[in-house]
PDB file of N, CA and C in Angstrom:
ATOM      1  N   GLY A   1     -14.858  18.909 -19.523  1.00  0.00           N
ATOM      2  CA  GLY A   1     -14.828  17.559 -19.073  1.00  0.00           C
ATOM      3  C   GLY A   1     -16.220  17.012 -18.816  1.00  0.00           C
ATOM      4  N   VAL A   2     -16.274  16.048 -17.964  1.00  0.00           N
ATOM      5  CA  VAL A   2     -17.522  15.351 -17.646  1.00  0.00           C
ATOM      6  C   VAL A   2     -18.546  16.300 -17.045  1.00  0.00           C
ATOM      7  N   GLU A   3     -18.107  17.184 -16.144  1.00  0.00           N
ATOM      8  CA  GLU A   3     -19.045  18.094 -15.486  1.00  0.00           C
ATOM      9  C   GLU A   3     -19.727  19.016 -16.492  1.00  0.00           C
ATOM     10  N   GLN A   4     -18.984  19.514 -17.470  1.00  0.00           N
ATOM     11  CA  GLN A   4     -19.572  20.408 -18.459  1.00  0.00           C
ATOM     12  C   GLN A   4     -20.607  19.675 -19.315  1.00  0.00           C
ATOM     13  N   ILE A   5     -20.300  18.446 -19.695  1.00  0.00           N
ATOM     14  CA  ILE A   5     -21.241  17.669 -20.510  1.00  0.00           C
ATOM     15  C   ILE A   5     -22.483  17.321 -19.699  1.00  0.00           C
ATOM     16  N   THR A   6     -22.282  16.903 -18.450  1.00  0.00           N
ATOM     17  CA  THR A   6     -23.404  16.516 -17.598  1.00  0.00           C
ATOM     18  C   THR A   6     -24.327  17.691 -17.325  1.00  0.00           C
ATOM     19  N   THR A   7     -23.767  18.838 -17.012  1.00  0.00           N
ATOM     20  CA  THR A   7     -24.595  19.990 -16.645  1.00  0.00           C
ATOM     21  C   THR A   7     -25.196  20.708 -17.849  1.00  0.00           C
ATOM     22  N   THR A   8     -24.852  20.332 -19.074  1.00  0.00           N
ATOM     23  CA  THR A   8     -25.525  20.942 -20.223  1.00  0.00           C
ATOM     24  C   THR A   8     -26.967  20.471 -20.325  1.00  0.00           C
ATOM     25  N   LYS A   9     -27.252  19.287 -19.786  1.00  0.00           N
ATOM     26  CA  LYS A   9     -28.629  18.777 -19.806  1.00  0.00           C
ATOM     27  C   LYS A   9     -29.485  19.497 -18.765  1.00  0.00           C
ATOM     28  N   ARG A  10     -28.927  19.691 -17.590  1.00  0.00           N
ATOM     29  CA  ARG A  10     -29.608  20.384 -16.501  1.00  0.00           C
ATOM     30  C   ARG A  10     -28.537  20.816 -15.510  1.00  0.00           C
ATOM     31  N   ALA A  11     -28.686  22.001 -14.950  1.00  0.00           N
ATOM     32  CA  ALA A  11     -27.638  22.567 -14.097  1.00  0.00           C
ATOM     33  C   ALA A  11     -27.375  21.724 -12.848  1.00  0.00           C
ATOM     34  N   ASN A  12     -28.400  21.038 -12.338  1.00  0.00           N
ATOM     35  CA  ASN A  12     -28.212  20.289 -11.099  1.00  0.00           C
ATOM     36  C   ASN A  12     -28.192  18.778 -11.323  1.00  0.00           C
ATOM     37  N   LEU A  13     -27.950  18.350 -12.552  1.00  0.00           N
ATOM     38  CA  LEU A  13     -27.907  16.919 -12.850  1.00  0.00           C
ATOM     39  C   LEU A  13     -26.651  16.309 -12.239  1.00  0.00           C
ATOM     40  N   ILE A  14     -26.842  15.252 -11.465  1.00  0.00           N
ATOM     41  CA  ILE A  14     -25.727  14.592 -10.782  1.00  0.00           C
ATOM     42  C   ILE A  14     -25.383  13.305 -11.522  1.00  0.00           C
ATOM     43  N   LEU A  15     -24.115  13.082 -11.760  1.00  0.00           N
ATOM     44  CA  LEU A  15     -23.660  11.876 -12.445  1.00  0.00           C
ATOM     45  C   LEU A  15     -23.804  10.684 -11.495  1.00  0.00           C
ATOM     46  N   ASN A  16     -24.593   9.685 -11.908  1.00  0.00           N
ATOM     47  CA  ASN A  16     -24.796   8.509 -11.055  1.00  0.00           C
ATOM     48  C   ASN A  16     -23.737   7.452 -11.344  1.00  0.00           C
ATOM     49  N   VAL A  17     -23.853   6.309 -10.687  1.00  0.00           N
ATOM     50  CA  VAL A  17     -22.840   5.263 -10.816  1.00  0.00           C
ATOM     51  C   VAL A  17     -22.743   4.759 -12.254  1.00  0.00           C
ATOM     52  N   ASP A  18     -23.862   4.676 -12.957  1.00  0.00           N
ATOM     53  CA  ASP A  18     -23.820   4.223 -14.353  1.00  0.00           C
ATOM     54  C   ASP A  18     -23.030   5.205 -15.225  1.00  0.00           C
ATOM     55  N   GLY A  19     -23.212   6.479 -14.970  1.00  0.00           N
ATOM     56  CA  GLY A  19     -22.448   7.478 -15.708  1.00  0.00           C
ATOM     57  C   GLY A  19     -20.962   7.412 -15.396  1.00  0.00           C
ATOM     58  N   CYS A  20     -20.643   7.168 -14.124  1.00  0.00           N
ATOM     59  CA  CYS A  20     -19.235   7.040 -13.730  1.00  0.00           C
ATOM     60  C   CYS A  20     -18.588   5.833 -14.391  1.00  0.00           C
ATOM     61  N   ILE A  21     -19.318   4.723 -14.448  1.00  0.00           N
ATOM     62  CA  ILE A  21     -18.790   3.534 -15.117  1.00  0.00           C
ATOM     63  C   ILE A  21     -18.578   3.815 -16.596  1.00  0.00           C
ATOM     64  N   ALA A  22     -19.513   4.513 -17.221  1.00  0.00           N
ATOM     65  CA  ALA A  22     -19.366   4.855 -18.638  1.00  0.00           C
ATOM     66  C   ALA A  22     -18.137   5.722 -18.867  1.00  0.00           C
ATOM     67  N   VAL A  23     -17.918   6.702 -17.991  1.00  0.00           N
ATOM     68  CA  VAL A  23     -16.739   7.567 -18.109  1.00  0.00           C
ATOM     69  C   VAL A  23     -15.461   6.741 -17.999  1.00  0.00           C
ATOM     70  N   CYS A  24     -15.438   5.799 -17.063  1.00  0.00           N
ATOM     71  CA  CYS A  24     -14.256   4.945 -16.897  1.00  0.00           C
ATOM     72  C   CYS A  24     -14.010   4.095 -18.145  1.00  0.00           C
ATOM     73  N   PHE A  25     -15.086   3.541 -18.713  1.00  0.00           N
ATOM     74  CA  PHE A  25     -14.927   2.729 -19.919  1.00  0.00           C
ATOM     75  C   PHE A  25     -14.432   3.562 -21.096  1.00  0.00           C
ATOM     76  N   VAL A  26     -14.967   4.756 -21.261  1.00  0.00           N
ATOM     77  CA  VAL A  26     -14.498   5.620 -22.354  1.00  0.00           C
ATOM     78  C   VAL A  26     -13.029   5.959 -22.158  1.00  0.00           C
ATOM     79  N   ASP A  27     -12.658   6.259 -20.918  1.00  0.00           N
ATOM     80  CA  ASP A  27     -11.258   6.555 -20.629  1.00  0.00           C
ATOM     81  C   ASP A  27     -10.368   5.359 -20.956  1.00  0.00           C
ATOM     82  N   MET A  28     -10.821   4.149 -20.563  1.00  0.00           N
ATOM     83  CA  MET A  28     -10.033   2.940 -20.868  1.00  0.00           C
ATOM     84  C   MET A  28      -9.920   2.731 -22.373  1.00  0.00           C
ATOM     85  N   LEU A  29     -11.033   2.895 -23.088  1.00  0.00           N
ATOM     86  CA  LEU A  29     -10.999   2.696 -24.541  1.00  0.00           C
ATOM     87  C   LEU A  29     -10.033   3.670 -25.202  1.00  0.00           C
ATOM     88  N   ARG A  30     -10.065   4.922 -24.741  1.00  0.00           N
ATOM     89  CA  ARG A  30      -9.234   5.948 -25.371  1.00  0.00           C
ATOM     90  C   ARG A  30      -7.760   5.829 -24.991  1.00  0.00           C
ATOM     91  N   SER A  31      -7.446   5.271 -23.824  1.00  0.00           N
ATOM     92  CA  SER A  31      -6.059   5.293 -23.362  1.00  0.00           C
ATOM     93  C   SER A  31      -5.348   3.943 -23.407  1.00  0.00           C
ATOM     94  N   CYS A  32      -6.050   2.871 -23.735  1.00  0.00           N
ATOM     95  CA  CYS A  32      -5.397   1.550 -23.679  1.00  0.00           C
ATOM     96  C   CYS A  32      -4.460   1.296 -24.855  1.00  0.00           C
ATOM     97  N   GLY A  33      -4.597   2.039 -25.932  1.00  0.00           N
ATOM     98  CA  GLY A  33      -3.725   1.874 -27.079  1.00  0.00           C
ATOM     99  C   GLY A  33      -4.177   0.809 -28.068  1.00  0.00           C
ATOM    100  N   ALA A  34      -5.258   0.100 -27.750  1.00  0.00           N
ATOM    101  CA  ALA A  34      -5.737  -0.952 -28.646  1.00  0.00           C
ATOM    102  C   ALA A  34      -6.662  -0.416 -29.734  1.00  0.00           C
ATOM    103  N   PHE A  35      -7.164   0.802 -29.555  1.00  0.00           N
ATOM    104  CA  PHE A  35      -8.134   1.364 -30.497  1.00  0.00           C
ATOM    105  C   PHE A  35      -7.673   2.738 -30.955  1.00  0.00           C
ATOM    106  N   SER A  36      -7.913   3.024 -32.219  1.00  0.00           N
ATOM    107  CA  SER A  36      -7.649   4.372 -32.727  1.00  0.00           C
ATOM    108  C   SER A  36      -8.791   5.279 -32.256  1.00  0.00           C
ATOM    109  N   PRO A  37      -8.581   6.593 -32.288  1.00  0.00           N
ATOM    110  CA  PRO A  37      -9.680   7.495 -31.909  1.00  0.00           C
ATOM    111  C   PRO A  37     -10.943   7.260 -32.748  1.00  0.00           C
ATOM    112  N   ASP A  38     -10.762   6.946 -34.033  1.00  0.00           N
ATOM    113  CA  ASP A  38     -11.929   6.671 -34.882  1.00  0.00           C
ATOM    114  C   ASP A  38     -12.633   5.384 -34.456  1.00  0.00           C
ATOM    115  N   ASP A  39     -11.849   4.362 -34.066  1.00  0.00           N
ATOM    116  CA  ASP A  39     -12.448   3.111 -33.578  1.00  0.00           C
ATOM    117  C   ASP A  39     -13.282   3.366 -32.327  1.00  0.00           C
ATOM    118  N   VAL A  40     -12.742   4.166 -31.411  1.00  0.00           N
ATOM    119  CA  VAL A  40     -13.474   4.474 -30.181  1.00  0.00           C
ATOM    120  C   VAL A  40     -14.756   5.229 -30.499  1.00  0.00           C
ATOM    121  N   ASP A  41     -14.663   6.204 -31.383  1.00  0.00           N
ATOM    122  CA  ASP A  41     -15.861   6.957 -31.776  1.00  0.00           C
ATOM    123  C   ASP A  41     -16.907   6.039 -32.394  1.00  0.00           C
ATOM    124  N   ASP A  42     -16.461   5.087 -33.223  1.00  0.00           N
ATOM    125  CA  ASP A  42     -17.394   4.129 -33.819  1.00  0.00           C
ATOM    126  C   ASP A  42     -18.061   3.268 -32.747  1.00  0.00           C
ATOM    127  N   LEU A  43     -17.267   2.733 -31.821  1.00  0.00           N
ATOM    128  CA  LEU A  43     -17.831   1.909 -30.748  1.00  0.00           C
ATOM    129  C   LEU A  43     -18.872   2.680 -29.941  1.00  0.00           C
ATOM    130  N   LEU A  44     -18.564   3.922 -29.634  1.00  0.00           N
ATOM    131  CA  LEU A  44     -19.499   4.732 -28.852  1.00  0.00           C
ATOM    132  C   LEU A  44     -20.757   5.052 -29.647  1.00  0.00           C
ATOM    133  N   SER A  45     -20.610   5.314 -30.943  1.00  0.00           N
ATOM    134  CA  SER A  45     -21.791   5.628 -31.752  1.00  0.00           C
ATOM    135  C   SER A  45     -22.675   4.402 -31.953  1.00  0.00           C
ATOM    136  N   PHE A  46     -22.103   3.192 -31.851  1.00  0.00           N
ATOM    137  CA  PHE A  46     -22.890   1.958 -31.964  1.00  0.00           C
ATOM    138  C   PHE A  46     -23.683   1.689 -30.693  1.00  0.00           C
ATOM    139  N   GLY A  47     -23.371   2.371 -29.595  1.00  0.00           N
ATOM    140  CA  GLY A  47     -24.080   2.176 -28.347  1.00  0.00           C
ATOM    141  C   GLY A  47     -23.550   1.045 -27.491  1.00  0.00           C
ATOM    142  N   CYS A  48     -22.265   0.739 -27.606  1.00  0.00           N
ATOM    143  CA  CYS A  48     -21.711  -0.381 -26.839  1.00  0.00           C
ATOM    144  C   CYS A  48     -21.833  -0.157 -25.336  1.00  0.00           C
ATOM    145  N   LEU A  49     -21.752   1.083 -24.877  1.00  0.00           N
ATOM    146  CA  LEU A  49     -21.889   1.325 -23.445  1.00  0.00           C
ATOM    147  C   LEU A  49     -23.325   1.127 -22.978  1.00  0.00           C
ATOM    148  N   ASN A  50     -24.298   1.381 -23.851  1.00  0.00           N
ATOM    149  CA  ASN A  50     -25.690   1.083 -23.501  1.00  0.00           C
ATOM    150  C   ASN A  50     -25.863  -0.416 -23.298  1.00  0.00           C
ATOM    151  N   GLY A  51     -25.178  -1.202 -24.117  1.00  0.00           N
ATOM    152  CA  GLY A  51     -25.239  -2.653 -23.971  1.00  0.00           C
ATOM    153  C   GLY A  51     -24.666  -3.107 -22.634  1.00  0.00           C
ATOM    154  N   LEU A  52     -23.569  -2.480 -22.198  1.00  0.00           N
ATOM    155  CA  LEU A  52     -22.993  -2.811 -20.898  1.00  0.00           C
ATOM    156  C   LEU A  52     -23.948  -2.444 -19.763  1.00  0.00           C
ATOM    157  N   PHE A  53     -24.616  -1.306 -19.899  1.00  0.00           N
ATOM    158  CA  PHE A  53     -25.587  -0.885 -18.900  1.00  0.00           C
ATOM    159  C   PHE A  53     -26.727  -1.901 -18.803  1.00  0.00           C
ATOM    160  N   VAL A  54     -27.267  -2.303 -19.947  1.00  0.00           N
ATOM    161  CA  VAL A  54     -28.368  -3.272 -19.961  1.00  0.00           C
ATOM    162  C   VAL A  54     -27.911  -4.613 -19.403  1.00  0.00           C
ATOM    163  N   LEU A  55     -26.718  -5.038 -19.754  1.00  0.00           N
ATOM    164  CA  LEU A  55     -26.194  -6.310 -19.257  1.00  0.00           C
ATOM    165  C   LEU A  55     -26.073  -6.294 -17.735  1.00  0.00           C
ATOM    166  N   GLY A  56     -25.522  -5.228 -17.193  1.00  0.00           N
ATOM    167  CA  GLY A  56     -25.369  -5.117 -15.743  1.00  0.00           C
ATOM    168  C   GLY A  56     -26.712  -5.090 -15.029  1.00  0.00           C
ATOM    169  N   ARG A  57     -27.657  -4.314 -15.546  1.00  0.00           N
ATOM    170  CA  ARG A  57     -28.977  -4.243 -14.922  1.00  0.00           C
ATOM    171  C   ARG A  57     -29.705  -5.571 -15.018  1.00  0.00           C
ATOM    172  N   SER A  58     -29.583  -6.243 -16.151  1.00  0.00           N
ATOM    173  CA  SER A  58     -30.255  -7.540 -16.333  1.00  0.00           C
ATOM    174  C   SER A  58     -29.693  -8.572 -15.360  1.00  0.00           C
ATOM    175  N   THR A  59     -28.376  -8.599 -15.219  1.00  0.00           N
ATOM    176  CA  THR A  59     -27.744  -9.529 -14.292  1.00  0.00           C
ATOM    177  C   THR A  59     -28.212  -9.265 -12.864  1.00  0.00           C
ATOM    178  N   GLY A  60     -28.294  -8.012 -12.480  1.00  0.00           N
ATOM    179  CA  GLY A  60     -28.756  -7.656 -11.144  1.00  0.00           C
ATOM    180  C   GLY A  60     -30.203  -8.057 -10.916  1.00  0.00           C
ATOM    181  N   PHE A  61     -31.047  -7.840 -11.921  1.00  0.00           N
ATOM    182  CA  PHE A  61     -32.454  -8.215 -11.783  1.00  0.00           C
ATOM    183  C   PHE A  61     -32.601  -9.732 -11.645  1.00  0.00           C
ATOM    184  N   ILE A  62     -31.874 -10.478 -12.454  1.00  0.00           N
ATOM    185  CA  ILE A  62     -31.935 -11.946 -12.384  1.00  0.00           C
ATOM    186  C   ILE A  62     -31.453 -12.425 -11.015  1.00  0.00           C
ATOM    187  N   ALA A  63     -30.378 -11.843 -10.514  1.00  0.00           N
ATOM    188  CA  ALA A  63     -29.870 -12.232  -9.193  1.00  0.00           C
ATOM    189  C   ALA A  63     -30.902 -11.919  -8.110  1.00  0.00           C
ATOM    190  N   HIS A  64     -31.561 -10.777  -8.217  1.00  0.00           N
ATOM    191  CA  HIS A  64     -32.594 -10.416  -7.249  1.00  0.00           C
ATOM    192  C   HIS A  64     -33.757 -11.408  -7.323  1.00  0.00           C
ATOM    193  N   TYR A  65     -34.168 -11.757  -8.515  1.00  0.00           N
ATOM    194  CA  TYR A  65     -35.266 -12.706  -8.703  1.00  0.00           C
ATOM    195  C   TYR A  65     -34.911 -14.075  -8.104  1.00  0.00           C
ATOM    196  N   ILE A  66     -33.697 -14.553  -8.369  1.00  0.00           N
ATOM    197  CA  ILE A  66     -33.258 -15.851  -7.825  1.00  0.00           C
ATOM    198  C   ILE A  66     -33.203 -15.798  -6.300  1.00  0.00           C
ATOM    199  N   ASP A  67     -32.744 -14.673  -5.747  1.00  0.00           N
ATOM    200  CA  ASP A  67     -32.694 -14.542  -4.302  1.00  0.00           C
ATOM    201  C   ASP A  67     -34.099 -14.562  -3.700  1.00  0.00           C
ATOM    202  N   GLN A  68     -35.048 -13.914  -4.363  1.00  0.00           N
ATOM    203  CA  GLN A  68     -36.428 -13.937  -3.876  1.00  0.00           C
ATOM    204  C   GLN A  68     -37.003 -15.352  -3.944  1.00  0.00           C
ATOM    205  N   LEU A  69     -36.647 -16.109  -4.970  1.00  0.00           N
ATOM    206  CA  LEU A  69     -37.086 -17.507  -5.042  1.00  0.00           C
ATOM    207  C   LEU A  69     -36.492 -18.313  -3.890  1.00  0.00           C
ATOM    208  N   ARG A  70     -35.226 -18.074  -3.618  1.00  0.00           N
ATOM    209  CA  ARG A  70     -34.548 -18.781  -2.528  1.00  0.00           C
ATOM    210  C   ARG A  70     -35.223 -18.495  -1.197  1.00  0.00           C
ATOM    211  N   LEU A  71     -35.640 -17.250  -1.019  1.00  0.00           N
ATOM    212  CA  LEU A  71     -36.308 -16.852   0.219  1.00  0.00           C
ATOM    213  C   LEU A  71     -37.796 -17.201   0.226  1.00  0.00           C
ATOM    214  N   LYS A  72     -38.272 -17.773  -0.886  1.00  0.00           N
ATOM    215  CA  LYS A  72     -39.683 -18.117  -1.051  1.00  0.00           C
ATOM    216  C   LYS A  72     -40.584 -16.905  -0.835  1.00  0.00           C
ATOM    217  N   GLN A  73     -40.169 -15.793  -1.440  1.00  0.00           N
ATOM    218  CA  GLN A  73     -40.927 -14.547  -1.378  1.00  0.00           C
ATOM    219  C   GLN A  73     -41.180 -14.049  -2.796  1.00  0.00           C
ATOM    220  N   PRO A  74     -42.312 -13.393  -3.010  1.00  0.00           N
ATOM    221  CA  PRO A  74     -42.540 -12.810  -4.334  1.00  0.00           C
ATOM    222  C   PRO A  74     -41.648 -11.578  -4.525  1.00  0.00           C
ATOM    223  N   LEU A  75     -41.515 -11.145  -5.764  1.00  0.00           N
ATOM    224  CA  LEU A  75     -40.780  -9.907  -6.016  1.00  0.00           C
ATOM    225  C   LEU A  75     -41.520  -8.751  -5.356  1.00  0.00           C
ATOM    226  N   TYR A  76     -40.780  -7.846  -4.781  1.00  0.00           N
ATOM    227  CA  TYR A  76     -41.375  -6.693  -4.114  1.00  0.00           C
ATOM    228  C   TYR A  76     -42.030  -5.794  -5.153  1.00  0.00           C
ATOM    229  N   ARG A  77     -43.237  -5.385  -4.866  1.00  0.00           N
ATOM    230  CA  ARG A  77     -43.959  -4.428  -5.720  1.00  0.00           C
ATOM    231  C   ARG A  77     -44.289  -3.207  -4.886  1.00  0.00           C
ATOM    232  N   HIS A  78     -43.752  -2.081  -5.272  1.00  0.00           N
ATOM    233  CA  HIS A  78     -44.023  -0.858  -4.534  1.00  0.00           C
ATOM    234  C   HIS A  78     -45.437  -0.382  -4.859  1.00  0.00           C
ATOM    235  N   PRO A  79     -46.194   0.095  -3.862  1.00  0.00           N
ATOM    236  CA  PRO A  79     -47.567   0.548  -4.112  1.00  0.00           C
ATOM    237  C   PRO A  79     -47.620   1.676  -5.141  1.00  0.00           C
ATOM    238  N   TRP A  80     -48.616   1.633  -6.011  1.00  0.00           N
ATOM    239  CA  TRP A  80     -48.761   2.649  -7.059  1.00  0.00           C
ATOM    240  C   TRP A  80     -49.151   4.007  -6.483  1.00  0.00           C
ATOM    241  N   ASP A  81     -49.854   4.018  -5.362  1.00  0.00           N
ATOM    242  CA  ASP A  81     -50.375   5.288  -4.830  1.00  0.00           C
ATOM    243  C   ASP A  81     -49.359   6.063  -3.984  1.00  0.00           C
ATOM    244  N   ASP A  82     -48.117   5.618  -3.954  1.00  0.00           N
ATOM    245  CA  ASP A  82     -47.098   6.311  -3.167  1.00  0.00           C
ATOM    246  C   ASP A  82     -46.403   7.355  -3.995  1.00  0.00           C
TER     247      ASP A  82
END
Protein backbone atom coordinates (compact mmCIF):
# COMPACT_ATOMS: atom_id res chain seq x y z
CA GLY A 1 0.00 0.00 0.00
CA VAL A 2 0.91 3.61 0.52
CA GLU A 3 3.35 2.91 3.35
CA GLN A 4 5.40 0.49 1.24
CA ILE A 5 5.63 2.96 -1.65
CA THR A 6 6.46 5.89 0.63
CA THR A 7 9.17 4.07 2.58
CA THR A 8 10.92 2.77 -0.56
CA LYS A 9 12.33 6.28 -1.01
CA ARG A 10 13.57 6.50 2.58
CA ALA A 11 12.75 4.42 5.65
CA ASN A 12 11.64 7.41 7.74
CA LEU A 13 9.84 9.39 5.03
CA ILE A 14 6.51 10.65 6.36
CA LEU A 15 3.56 11.19 4.03
CA ASN A 16 2.56 14.87 4.23
CA VAL A 17 -0.82 16.45 3.52
CA ASP A 18 -0.08 16.76 -0.21
CA GLY A 19 0.66 13.06 -0.39
CA CYS A 20 -2.53 12.24 1.51
CA ILE A 21 -4.57 14.37 -0.89
CA ALA A 22 -2.93 12.60 -3.84
CA VAL A 23 -3.78 9.20 -2.35
CA CYS A 24 -7.40 10.28 -1.90
CA PHE A 25 -7.61 11.51 -5.50
CA VAL A 26 -6.13 8.28 -6.87
CA ASP A 27 -8.59 6.30 -4.78
CA MET A 28 -11.49 8.42 -6.09
CA LEU A 29 -10.32 8.06 -9.69
CA ARG A 30 -9.98 4.30 -9.36
CA SER A 31 -13.26 3.69 -7.50
CA CYS A 32 -15.74 6.19 -8.96
CA GLY A 33 -16.53 4.04 -11.99
CA ALA A 34 -16.12 6.90 -14.47
CA PHE A 35 -12.65 5.82 -15.61
CA SER A 36 -11.18 2.54 -16.75
CA PRO A 37 -7.94 1.41 -15.09
CA ASP A 38 -6.09 2.40 -18.28
CA ASP A 39 -7.70 5.87 -18.19
CA VAL A 40 -6.57 6.35 -14.60
CA ASP A 41 -3.04 5.21 -15.44
CA ASP A 42 -2.98 7.67 -18.35
CA LEU A 43 -4.18 10.56 -16.17
CA LEU A 44 -1.54 9.78 -13.56
CA SER A 45 1.24 9.46 -16.14
CA PHE A 46 0.26 12.89 -17.56
CA GLY A 47 0.90 14.42 -14.12
CA CYS A 48 -2.64 15.60 -13.38
CA LEU A 49 -2.04 15.35 -9.64
CA ASN A 50 1.04 17.57 -9.96
CA GLY A 51 -1.25 20.14 -11.57
CA LEU A 52 -3.62 19.95 -8.59
CA PHE A 53 -0.69 20.42 -6.22
CA VAL A 54 0.53 23.49 -8.12
CA LEU A 55 -2.99 24.92 -8.31
CA GLY A 56 -3.51 24.56 -4.56
CA ARG A 57 -0.13 26.06 -3.69
CA SER A 58 -0.61 28.94 -6.13
CA THR A 59 -4.03 29.75 -4.70
CA GLY A 60 -2.61 29.74 -1.18
CA PHE A 61 0.29 31.99 -2.15
CA ILE A 62 -2.03 34.48 -3.87
CA ALA A 63 -4.33 34.52 -0.84
CA HIS A 64 -1.34 35.13 1.44
CA TYR A 65 -0.11 37.96 -0.79
CA ILE A 66 -3.57 39.61 -0.86
CA ASP A 67 -3.82 39.30 2.92
CA GLN A 68 -0.42 40.97 3.33
CA LEU A 69 -1.59 43.80 1.06
CA ARG A 70 -4.72 44.17 3.17
CA LEU A 71 -2.59 44.40 6.29
CA LYS A 72 -0.25 46.85 4.52
CA GLN A 73 2.71 44.61 5.28
CA PRO A 74 5.37 43.24 2.94
CA LEU A 75 5.64 39.51 2.36
CA TYR A 76 7.58 37.85 5.15
CA ARG A 77 11.15 36.99 4.21
CA HIS A 78 12.93 34.55 6.47
CA PRO A 79 16.59 35.48 7.13
CA TRP A 80 19.09 33.61 4.95
CA ASP A 81 21.54 33.05 7.81
CA ASP A 82 19.11 30.96 9.88
